[in-house]
Amino acid sequence: MFCGCINFNGGWLGRGCLSHELVNPLLFERGAPSGISTLWLHGSYDQYYRIAHCRGNFDRFLSAGGQGKFVAAPMGHALMFKPALWKEHVDRYLLALG
């Protein structure tokens, strides 16, 4: 059983796929009823997942009943490799999970 989820990716399909605007929001909408708290960490300058697309996916997730916090960091797609930009958010999130 999961008690939380951290999302470092803006979607399943990048903007190179023609169907990414349809598929990604639907996937996040389907995950919303899980009932778990989520933390979404995204780079404002991601070349594969535009920040507006990521925020739209998050909004769709919340509208479908999902729980979470969205954080946009001043970074590109390699955000995961820059913990100085997200460590504080992750630490707070994990502490809140207990």
PDB file of N, CA and C in Angstrom:
ATOM      1  N   MET A   1       0.835  -1.168   0.000  1.00  0.00           N
ATOM      2  CA  MET A   1       0.000   0.000   0.000  1.00  0.00           C
ATOM      3  C   MET A   1       0.888   1.242   0.000  1.00  0.00           C
ATOM      4  N   PHE A   2       0.500   2.241  -0.766  1.00  0.00           N
ATOM      5  CA  PHE A   2       1.234   3.496  -0.859  1.00  0.00           C
ATOM      6  C   PHE A   2       0.651   4.511   0.106  1.00  0.00           C
ATOM      7  N   CYS A   3       1.523   5.342   0.677  1.00  0.00           N
ATOM      8  CA  CYS A   3       1.030   6.424   1.535  1.00  0.00           C
ATOM      9  C   CYS A   3       1.329   7.784   0.916  1.00  0.00           C
ATOM     10  N   GLY A   4       2.066   7.809  -0.178  1.00  0.00           N
ATOM     11  CA  GLY A   4       2.380   9.064  -0.842  1.00  0.00           C
ATOM     12  C   GLY A   4       3.005   8.824  -2.199  1.00  0.00           C
ATOM     13  N   CYS A   5       3.156   9.895  -2.951  1.00  0.00           N
ATOM     14  CA  CYS A   5       3.725   9.808  -4.289  1.00  0.00           C
ATOM     15  C   CYS A   5       4.389  11.131  -4.643  1.00  0.00           C
ATOM     16  N   ILE A   6       5.615  11.060  -5.162  1.00  0.00           N
ATOM     17  CA  ILE A   6       6.323  12.241  -5.634  1.00  0.00           C
ATOM     18  C   ILE A   6       6.451  12.130  -7.146  1.00  0.00           C
ATOM     19  N   ASN A   7       5.987  13.142  -7.837  1.00  0.00           N
ATOM     20  CA  ASN A   7       5.984  13.171  -9.299  1.00  0.00           C
ATOM     21  C   ASN A   7       7.058  14.138  -9.779  1.00  0.00           C
ATOM     22  N   PHE A   8       8.090  13.624 -10.443  1.00  0.00           N
ATOM     23  CA  PHE A   8       9.145  14.447 -11.019  1.00  0.00           C
ATOM     24  C   PHE A   8       8.946  14.645 -12.513  1.00  0.00           C
ATOM     25  N   ASN A   9       7.881  14.130 -13.041  1.00  0.00           N
ATOM     26  CA  ASN A   9       7.693  14.135 -14.483  1.00  0.00           C
ATOM     27  C   ASN A   9       6.365  14.782 -14.818  1.00  0.00           C
ATOM     28  N   GLY A  10       6.341  15.524 -15.899  1.00  0.00           N
ATOM     29  CA  GLY A  10       5.128  16.256 -16.255  1.00  0.00           C
ATOM     30  C   GLY A  10       4.041  15.429 -16.885  1.00  0.00           C
ATOM     31  N   GLY A  11       4.347  14.216 -17.242  1.00  0.00           N
ATOM     32  CA  GLY A  11       3.353  13.375 -17.889  1.00  0.00           C
ATOM     33  C   GLY A  11       3.957  12.046 -18.294  1.00  0.00           C
ATOM     34  N   TRP A  12       3.184  11.243 -18.939  1.00  0.00           N
ATOM     35  CA  TRP A  12       3.647   9.958 -19.432  1.00  0.00           C
ATOM     36  C   TRP A  12       4.309  10.135 -20.799  1.00  0.00           C
ATOM     37  N   LEU A  13       3.689  10.949 -21.625  1.00  0.00           N
ATOM     38  CA  LEU A  13       4.199  11.221 -22.961  1.00  0.00           C
ATOM     39  C   LEU A  13       4.721  12.658 -23.033  1.00  0.00           C
ATOM     40  N   GLY A  14       5.868  12.845 -23.641  1.00  0.00           N
ATOM     41  CA  GLY A  14       6.420  14.179 -23.826  1.00  0.00           C
ATOM     42  C   GLY A  14       5.752  14.885 -24.994  1.00  0.00           C
ATOM     43  N   ARG A  15       6.076  16.154 -25.169  1.00  0.00           N
ATOM     44  CA  ARG A  15       5.404  16.919 -26.209  1.00  0.00           C
ATOM     45  C   ARG A  15       5.802  16.511 -27.621  1.00  0.00           C
ATOM     46  N   GLY A  16       6.759  15.605 -27.758  1.00  0.00           N
ATOM     47  CA  GLY A  16       7.094  15.039 -29.058  1.00  0.00           C
ATOM     48  C   GLY A  16       6.028  14.077 -29.563  1.00  0.00           C
ATOM     49  N   CYS A  17       5.186  13.585 -28.667  1.00  0.00           N
ATOM     50  CA  CYS A  17       4.072  12.697 -29.040  1.00  0.00           C
ATOM     51  C   CYS A  17       2.837  13.541 -29.315  1.00  0.00           C
ATOM     52  N   LEU A  18       2.232  13.314 -30.440  1.00  0.00           N
ATOM     53  CA  LEU A  18       1.072  14.117 -30.830  1.00  0.00           C
ATOM     54  C   LEU A  18      -0.097  13.998 -29.856  1.00  0.00           C
ATOM     55  N   SER A  19      -0.208  12.864 -29.180  1.00  0.00           N
ATOM     56  CA  SER A  19      -1.355  12.644 -28.295  1.00  0.00           C
ATOM     57  C   SER A  19      -1.102  13.030 -26.837  1.00  0.00           C
ATOM     58  N   HIS A  20       0.023  13.668 -26.539  1.00  0.00           N
ATOM     59  CA  HIS A  20       0.338  13.960 -25.133  1.00  0.00           C
ATOM     60  C   HIS A  20      -0.691  14.862 -24.461  1.00  0.00           C
ATOM     61  N   GLU A  21      -1.300  15.776 -25.195  1.00  0.00           N
ATOM     62  CA  GLU A  21      -2.298  16.674 -24.607  1.00  0.00           C
ATOM     63  C   GLU A  21      -3.592  15.942 -24.230  1.00  0.00           C
ATOM     64  N   LEU A  22      -3.822  14.778 -24.802  1.00  0.00           N
ATOM     65  CA  LEU A  22      -5.003  13.975 -24.468  1.00  0.00           C
ATOM     66  C   LEU A  22      -4.688  12.917 -23.418  1.00  0.00           C
ATOM     67  N   VAL A  23      -3.574  12.222 -23.606  1.00  0.00           N
ATOM     68  CA  VAL A  23      -3.241  11.072 -22.753  1.00  0.00           C
ATOM     69  C   VAL A  23      -2.851  11.491 -21.342  1.00  0.00           C
ATOM     70  N   ASN A  24      -1.933  12.444 -21.205  1.00  0.00           N
ATOM     71  CA  ASN A  24      -1.420  12.794 -19.878  1.00  0.00           C
ATOM     72  C   ASN A  24      -2.507  13.247 -18.903  1.00  0.00           C
ATOM     73  N   PRO A  25      -3.381  14.184 -19.273  1.00  0.00           N
ATOM     74  CA  PRO A  25      -4.413  14.596 -18.309  1.00  0.00           C
ATOM     75  C   PRO A  25      -5.333  13.439 -17.903  1.00  0.00           C
ATOM     76  N   LEU A  26      -5.648  12.565 -18.842  1.00  0.00           N
ATOM     77  CA  LEU A  26      -6.513  11.420 -18.515  1.00  0.00           C
ATOM     78  C   LEU A  26      -5.850  10.477 -17.525  1.00  0.00           C
ATOM     79  N   LEU A  27      -4.553  10.261 -17.680  1.00  0.00           N
ATOM     80  CA  LEU A  27      -3.839   9.378 -16.742  1.00  0.00           C
ATOM     81  C   LEU A  27      -3.849   9.945 -15.328  1.00  0.00           C
ATOM     82  N   PHE A  28      -3.593  11.236 -15.208  1.00  0.00           N
ATOM     83  CA  PHE A  28      -3.594  11.838 -13.875  1.00  0.00           C
ATOM     84  C   PHE A  28      -5.000  11.877 -13.280  1.00  0.00           C
ATOM     85  N   GLU A  29      -5.975  12.093 -14.112  1.00  0.00           N
ATOM     86  CA  GLU A  29      -7.360  12.067 -13.644  1.00  0.00           C
ATOM     87  C   GLU A  29      -7.711  10.682 -13.090  1.00  0.00           C
ATOM     88  N   ARG A  30      -7.236   9.647 -13.757  1.00  0.00           N
ATOM     89  CA  ARG A  30      -7.515   8.270 -13.294  1.00  0.00           C
ATOM     90  C   ARG A  30      -6.826   7.958 -11.976  1.00  0.00           C
ATOM     91  N   GLY A  31      -5.702   8.622 -11.696  1.00  0.00           N
ATOM     92  CA  GLY A  31      -4.990   8.383 -10.443  1.00  0.00           C
ATOM     93  C   GLY A  31      -5.529   9.172  -9.268  1.00  0.00           C
ATOM     94  N   ALA A  32      -6.363  10.142  -9.518  1.00  0.00           N
ATOM     95  CA  ALA A  32      -6.861  11.032  -8.471  1.00  0.00           C
ATOM     96  C   ALA A  32      -7.597  10.322  -7.333  1.00  0.00           C
ATOM     97  N   PRO A  33      -8.423   9.312  -7.603  1.00  0.00           N
ATOM     98  CA  PRO A  33      -9.170   8.676  -6.512  1.00  0.00           C
ATOM     99  C   PRO A  33      -8.329   7.830  -5.545  1.00  0.00           C
ATOM    100  N   SER A  34      -7.029   7.785  -5.731  1.00  0.00           N
ATOM    101  CA  SER A  34      -6.175   6.953  -4.870  1.00  0.00           C
ATOM    102  C   SER A  34      -6.260   7.358  -3.404  1.00  0.00           C
ATOM    103  N   GLY A  35      -6.550   8.643  -3.147  1.00  0.00           N
ATOM    104  CA  GLY A  35      -6.666   9.100  -1.763  1.00  0.00           C
ATOM    105  C   GLY A  35      -5.338   9.384  -1.092  1.00  0.00           C
ATOM    106  N   ILE A  36      -4.232   9.355  -1.837  1.00  0.00           N
ATOM    107  CA  ILE A  36      -2.938   9.626  -1.216  1.00  0.00           C
ATOM    108  C   ILE A  36      -2.469  11.042  -1.536  1.00  0.00           C
ATOM    109  N   SER A  37      -1.704  11.591  -0.631  1.00  0.00           N
ATOM    110  CA  SER A  37      -1.108  12.906  -0.819  1.00  0.00           C
ATOM    111  C   SER A  37       0.017  12.798  -1.845  1.00  0.00           C
ATOM    112  N   THR A  38       0.121  13.805  -2.710  1.00  0.00           N
ATOM    113  CA  THR A  38       1.163  13.794  -3.730  1.00  0.00           C
ATOM    114  C   THR A  38       1.959  15.095  -3.706  1.00  0.00           C
ATOM    115  N   LEU A  39       3.183  15.016  -4.168  1.00  0.00           N
ATOM    116  CA  LEU A  39       4.038  16.188  -4.341  1.00  0.00           C
ATOM    117  C   LEU A  39       4.507  16.181  -5.787  1.00  0.00           C
ATOM    118  N   TRP A  40       4.230  17.256  -6.482  1.00  0.00           N
ATOM    119  CA  TRP A  40       4.597  17.392  -7.899  1.00  0.00           C
ATOM    120  C   TRP A  40       5.736  18.384  -8.015  1.00  0.00           C
ATOM    121  N   LEU A  41       6.885  17.937  -8.500  1.00  0.00           N
ATOM    122  CA  LEU A  41       8.071  18.769  -8.658  1.00  0.00           C
ATOM    123  C   LEU A  41       8.415  18.847 -10.140  1.00  0.00           C
ATOM    124  N   HIS A  42       8.382  20.052 -10.683  1.00  0.00           N
ATOM    125  CA  HIS A  42       8.616  20.210 -12.118  1.00  0.00           C
ATOM    126  C   HIS A  42       9.514  21.395 -12.404  1.00  0.00           C
ATOM    127  N   GLY A  43      10.285  21.269 -13.466  1.00  0.00           N
ATOM    128  CA  GLY A  43      11.152  22.345 -13.904  1.00  0.00           C
ATOM    129  C   GLY A  43      10.396  23.337 -14.783  1.00  0.00           C
ATOM    130  N   SER A  44      10.512  24.592 -14.468  1.00  0.00           N
ATOM    131  CA  SER A  44       9.828  25.633 -15.239  1.00  0.00           C
ATOM    132  C   SER A  44      10.311  25.705 -16.684  1.00  0.00           C
ATOM    133  N   TYR A  45      11.511  25.182 -16.951  1.00  0.00           N
ATOM    134  CA  TYR A  45      12.100  25.268 -18.285  1.00  0.00           C
ATOM    135  C   TYR A  45      12.288  23.888 -18.912  1.00  0.00           C
ATOM    136  N   ASP A  46      11.469  22.929 -18.518  1.00  0.00           N
ATOM    137  CA  ASP A  46      11.572  21.564 -19.046  1.00  0.00           C
ATOM    138  C   ASP A  46      11.282  21.554 -20.550  1.00  0.00           C
ATOM    139  N   GLN A  47      12.198  21.007 -21.329  1.00  0.00           N
ATOM    140  CA  GLN A  47      12.034  21.002 -22.776  1.00  0.00           C
ATOM    141  C   GLN A  47      11.089  19.907 -23.267  1.00  0.00           C
ATOM    142  N   TYR A  48      10.738  18.951 -22.428  1.00  0.00           N
ATOM    143  CA  TYR A  48       9.835  17.867 -22.828  1.00  0.00           C
ATOM    144  C   TYR A  48       8.415  18.069 -22.321  1.00  0.00           C
ATOM    145  N   TYR A  49       8.290  18.692 -21.158  1.00  0.00           N
ATOM    146  CA  TYR A  49       6.987  18.906 -20.530  1.00  0.00           C
ATOM    147  C   TYR A  49       6.865  20.374 -20.155  1.00  0.00           C
ATOM    148  N   ARG A  50       6.198  21.158 -20.976  1.00  0.00           N
ATOM    149  CA  ARG A  50       6.013  22.582 -20.676  1.00  0.00           C
ATOM    150  C   ARG A  50       5.322  22.744 -19.321  1.00  0.00           C
ATOM    151  N   ILE A  51       5.723  23.762 -18.593  1.00  0.00           N
ATOM    152  CA  ILE A  51       5.185  23.965 -17.248  1.00  0.00           C
ATOM    153  C   ILE A  51       3.674  24.179 -17.281  1.00  0.00           C
ATOM    154  N   ALA A  52       3.157  24.824 -18.306  1.00  0.00           N
ATOM    155  CA  ALA A  52       1.701  25.011 -18.412  1.00  0.00           C
ATOM    156  C   ALA A  52       1.000  23.668 -18.566  1.00  0.00           C
ATOM    157  N   HIS A  53       1.605  22.745 -19.296  1.00  0.00           N
ATOM    158  CA  HIS A  53       1.033  21.405 -19.460  1.00  0.00           C
ATOM    159  C   HIS A  53       1.038  20.671 -18.111  1.00  0.00           C
ATOM    160  N   CYS A  54       2.139  20.774 -17.385  1.00  0.00           N
ATOM    161  CA  CYS A  54       2.246  20.112 -16.073  1.00  0.00           C
ATOM    162  C   CYS A  54       1.213  20.664 -15.092  1.00  0.00           C
ATOM    163  N   ARG A  55       1.089  21.979 -15.068  1.00  0.00           N
ATOM    164  CA  ARG A  55       0.094  22.598 -14.174  1.00  0.00           C
ATOM    165  C   ARG A  55      -1.324  22.192 -14.581  1.00  0.00           C
ATOM    166  N   GLY A  56      -1.558  22.101 -15.872  1.00  0.00           N
ATOM    167  CA  GLY A  56      -2.866  21.649 -16.342  1.00  0.00           C
ATOM    168  C   GLY A  56      -3.165  20.227 -15.903  1.00  0.00           C
ATOM    169  N   ASN A  57      -2.153  19.356 -15.962  1.00  0.00           N
ATOM    170  CA  ASN A  57      -2.327  17.983 -15.489  1.00  0.00           C
ATOM    171  C   ASN A  57      -2.630  17.966 -13.996  1.00  0.00           C
ATOM    172  N   PHE A  58      -1.922  18.809 -13.245  1.00  0.00           N
ATOM    173  CA  PHE A  58      -2.146  18.899 -11.808  1.00  0.00           C
ATOM    174  C   PHE A  58      -3.548  19.411 -11.506  1.00  0.00           C
ATOM    175  N   ASP A  59      -3.976  20.435 -12.220  1.00  0.00           N
ATOM    176  CA  ASP A  59      -5.328  20.972 -12.018  1.00  0.00           C
ATOM    177  C   ASP A  59      -6.385  19.920 -12.330  1.00  0.00           C
ATOM    178  N   ARG A  60      -6.160  19.161 -13.366  1.00  0.00           N
ATOM    179  CA  ARG A  60      -7.096  18.085 -13.728  1.00  0.00           C
ATOM    180  C   ARG A  60      -7.125  17.030 -12.625  1.00  0.00           C
ATOM    181  N   PHE A  61      -5.959  16.702 -12.085  1.00  0.00           N
ATOM    182  CA  PHE A  61      -5.828  15.756 -10.976  1.00  0.00           C
ATOM    183  C   PHE A  61      -6.623  16.249  -9.759  1.00  0.00           C
ATOM    184  N   LEU A  62      -6.449  17.521  -9.399  1.00  0.00           N
ATOM    185  CA  LEU A  62      -7.186  18.085  -8.257  1.00  0.00           C
ATOM    186  C   LEU A  62      -8.685  18.112  -8.518  1.00  0.00           C
ATOM    187  N   SER A  63      -9.075  18.482  -9.717  1.00  0.00           N
ATOM    188  CA  SER A  63     -10.504  18.545 -10.062  1.00  0.00           C
ATOM    189  C   SER A  63     -11.179  17.190  -9.970  1.00  0.00           C
ATOM    190  N   ALA A  64     -10.388  16.144 -10.172  1.00  0.00           N
ATOM    191  CA  ALA A  64     -10.926  14.785 -10.098  1.00  0.00           C
ATOM    192  C   ALA A  64     -10.868  14.224  -8.682  1.00  0.00           C
ATOM    193  N   GLY A  65     -10.467  15.066  -7.716  1.00  0.00           N
ATOM    194  CA  GLY A  65     -10.447  14.632  -6.314  1.00  0.00           C
ATOM    195  C   GLY A  65      -9.078  14.305  -5.764  1.00  0.00           C
ATOM    196  N   GLY A  66      -8.033  14.515  -6.541  1.00  0.00           N
ATOM    197  CA  GLY A  66      -6.680  14.236  -6.070  1.00  0.00           C
ATOM    198  C   GLY A  66      -6.215  15.234  -5.021  1.00  0.00           C
ATOM    199  N   GLN A  67      -5.191  14.843  -4.276  1.00  0.00           N
ATOM    200  CA  GLN A  67      -4.623  15.685  -3.224  1.00  0.00           C
ATOM    201  C   GLN A  67      -3.160  15.939  -3.562  1.00  0.00           C
ATOM    202  N   GLY A  68      -2.708  17.170  -3.446  1.00  0.00           N
ATOM    203  CA  GLY A  68      -1.304  17.391  -3.712  1.00  0.00           C
ATOM    204  C   GLY A  68      -0.868  18.828  -3.663  1.00  0.00           C
ATOM    205  N   LYS A  69       0.436  18.981  -3.822  1.00  0.00           N
ATOM    206  CA  LYS A  69       1.071  20.293  -3.877  1.00  0.00           C
ATOM    207  C   LYS A  69       1.942  20.313  -5.127  1.00  0.00           C
ATOM    208  N   PHE A  70       1.911  21.436  -5.843  1.00  0.00           N
ATOM    209  CA  PHE A  70       2.683  21.609  -7.066  1.00  0.00           C
ATOM    210  C   PHE A  70       3.818  22.592  -6.800  1.00  0.00           C
ATOM    211  N   VAL A  71       5.041  22.213  -7.185  1.00  0.00           N
ATOM    212  CA  VAL A  71       6.204  23.086  -7.028  1.00  0.00           C
ATOM    213  C   VAL A  71       6.893  23.227  -8.379  1.00  0.00           C
ATOM    214  N   ALA A  72       7.057  24.455  -8.842  1.00  0.00           N
ATOM    215  CA  ALA A  72       7.796  24.731 -10.073  1.00  0.00           C
ATOM    216  C   ALA A  72       9.164  25.277  -9.684  1.00  0.00           C
ATOM    217  N   ALA A  73      10.215  24.606 -10.140  1.00  0.00           N
ATOM    218  CA  ALA A  73      11.577  25.019  -9.823  1.00  0.00           C
ATOM    219  C   ALA A  73      12.246  25.619 -11.060  1.00  0.00           C
ATOM    220  N   PRO A  74      13.179  26.544 -10.869  1.00  0.00           N
ATOM    221  CA  PRO A  74      13.859  27.181 -11.994  1.00  0.00           C
ATOM    222  C   PRO A  74      14.907  26.249 -12.615  1.00  0.00           C
ATOM    223  N   MET A  75      14.430  25.266 -13.369  1.00  0.00           N
ATOM    224  CA  MET A  75      15.310  24.222 -13.914  1.00  0.00           C
ATOM    225  C   MET A  75      14.655  23.615 -15.138  1.00  0.00           C
ATOM    226  N   GLY A  76      15.409  22.853 -15.893  1.00  0.00           N
ATOM    227  CA  GLY A  76      14.895  22.121 -17.040  1.00  0.00           C
ATOM    228  C   GLY A  76      14.529  20.694 -16.662  1.00  0.00           C
ATOM    229  N   HIS A  77      14.629  19.785 -17.637  1.00  0.00           N
ATOM    230  CA  HIS A  77      14.199  18.405 -17.454  1.00  0.00           C
ATOM    231  C   HIS A  77      15.051  17.633 -16.435  1.00  0.00           C
ATOM    232  N   ALA A  78      16.255  18.084 -16.177  1.00  0.00           N
ATOM    233  CA  ALA A  78      17.159  17.383 -15.249  1.00  0.00           C
ATOM    234  C   ALA A  78      16.960  17.802 -13.789  1.00  0.00           C
ATOM    235  N   LEU A  79      15.790  18.290 -13.455  1.00  0.00           N
ATOM    236  CA  LEU A  79      15.503  18.745 -12.093  1.00  0.00           C
ATOM    237  C   LEU A  79      15.844  17.685 -11.054  1.00  0.00           C
ATOM    238  N   MET A  80      15.572  16.437 -11.343  1.00  0.00           N
ATOM    239  CA  MET A  80      15.800  15.361 -10.380  1.00  0.00           C
ATOM    240  C   MET A  80      17.262  15.334  -9.908  1.00  0.00           C
ATOM    241  N   PHE A  81      18.167  15.808 -10.739  1.00  0.00           N
ATOM    242  CA  PHE A  81      19.587  15.775 -10.406  1.00  0.00           C
ATOM    243  C   PHE A  81      20.078  17.052  -9.726  1.00  0.00           C
ATOM    244  N   LYS A  82      19.141  17.905  -9.312  1.00  0.00           N
ATOM    245  CA  LYS A  82      19.468  19.148  -8.608  1.00  0.00           C
ATOM    246  C   LYS A  82      18.719  19.199  -7.276  1.00  0.00           C
ATOM    247  N   PRO A  83      19.078  18.334  -6.323  1.00  0.00           N
ATOM    248  CA  PRO A  83      18.325  18.267  -5.062  1.00  0.00           C
ATOM    249  C   PRO A  83      18.284  19.569  -4.278  1.00  0.00           C
ATOM    250  N   ALA A  84      19.210  20.459  -4.504  1.00  0.00           N
ATOM    251  CA  ALA A  84      19.162  21.740  -3.786  1.00  0.00           C
ATOM    252  C   ALA A  84      17.877  22.505  -4.112  1.00  0.00           C
ATOM    253  N   LEU A  85      17.276  22.219  -5.272  1.00  0.00           N
ATOM    254  CA  LEU A  85      16.054  22.914  -5.681  1.00  0.00           C
ATOM    255  C   LEU A  85      14.775  22.286  -5.129  1.00  0.00           C
ATOM    256  N   TRP A  86      14.853  21.044  -4.631  1.00  0.00           N
ATOM    257  CA  TRP A  86      13.626  20.383  -4.180  1.00  0.00           C
ATOM    258  C   TRP A  86      13.737  19.690  -2.826  1.00  0.00           C
ATOM    259  N   LYS A  87      14.931  19.559  -2.279  1.00  0.00           N
ATOM    260  CA  LYS A  87      15.125  18.810  -1.033  1.00  0.00           C
ATOM    261  C   LYS A  87      14.222  19.309   0.103  1.00  0.00           C
ATOM    262  N   GLU A  88      14.131  20.604   0.265  1.00  0.00           N
ATOM    263  CA  GLU A  88      13.314  21.172   1.350  1.00  0.00           C
ATOM    264  C   GLU A  88      11.840  20.783   1.188  1.00  0.00           C
ATOM    265  N   HIS A  89      11.336  20.810  -0.029  1.00  0.00           N
ATOM    266  CA  HIS A  89       9.945  20.425  -0.293  1.00  0.00           C
ATOM    267  C   HIS A  89       9.720  18.945   0.016  1.00  0.00           C
ATOM    268  N   VAL A  90      10.665  18.119  -0.397  1.00  0.00           N
ATOM    269  CA  VAL A  90      10.547  16.677  -0.160  1.00  0.00           C
ATOM    270  C   VAL A  90      10.637  16.373   1.334  1.00  0.00           C
ATOM    271  N   ASP A  91      11.556  17.022   2.016  1.00  0.00           N
ATOM    272  CA  ASP A  91      11.682  16.801   3.468  1.00  0.00           C
ATOM    273  C   ASP A  91      10.374  17.129   4.187  1.00  0.00           C
ATOM    274  N   ARG A  92       9.767  18.288   3.864  1.00  0.00           N
ATOM    275  CA  ARG A  92       8.498  18.667   4.496  1.00  0.00           C
ATOM    276  C   ARG A  92       7.391  17.659   4.152  1.00  0.00           C
ATOM    277  N   TYR A  93       7.357  17.252   2.900  1.00  0.00           N
ATOM    278  CA  TYR A  93       6.351  16.302   2.446  1.00  0.00           C
ATOM    279  C   TYR A  93       6.471  14.968   3.201  1.00  0.00           C
ATOM    280  N   LEU A  94       7.683  14.449   3.294  1.00  0.00           N
ATOM    281  CA  LEU A  94       7.887  13.168   3.973  1.00  0.00           C
ATOM    282  C   LEU A  94       7.574  13.264   5.460  1.00  0.00           C
ATOM    283  N   LEU A  95       7.927  14.364   6.075  1.00  0.00           N
ATOM    284  CA  LEU A  95       7.588  14.554   7.502  1.00  0.00           C
ATOM    285  C   LEU A  95       6.079  14.577   7.703  1.00  0.00           C
ATOM    286  N   ALA A  96       5.372  15.226   6.792  1.00  0.00           N
ATOM    287  CA  ALA A  96       3.906  15.292   6.900  1.00  0.00           C
ATOM    288  C   ALA A  96       3.263  13.916   6.731  1.00  0.00           C
ATOM    289  N   LEU A  97       3.899  13.061   5.943  1.00  0.00           N
ATOM    290  CA  LEU A  97       3.359  11.711   5.754  1.00  0.00           C
ATOM    291  C   LEU A  97       3.490  10.861   7.017  1.00  0.00           C
ATOM    292  N   GLY A  98       4.482  11.221   7.839  1.00  0.00           N
ATOM    293  CA  GLY A  98       4.685  10.503   9.092  1.00  0.00           C
ATOM    294  C   GLY A  98       5.567   9.373   8.899  1.00  0.00           C
TER     295      GLY A  98
END
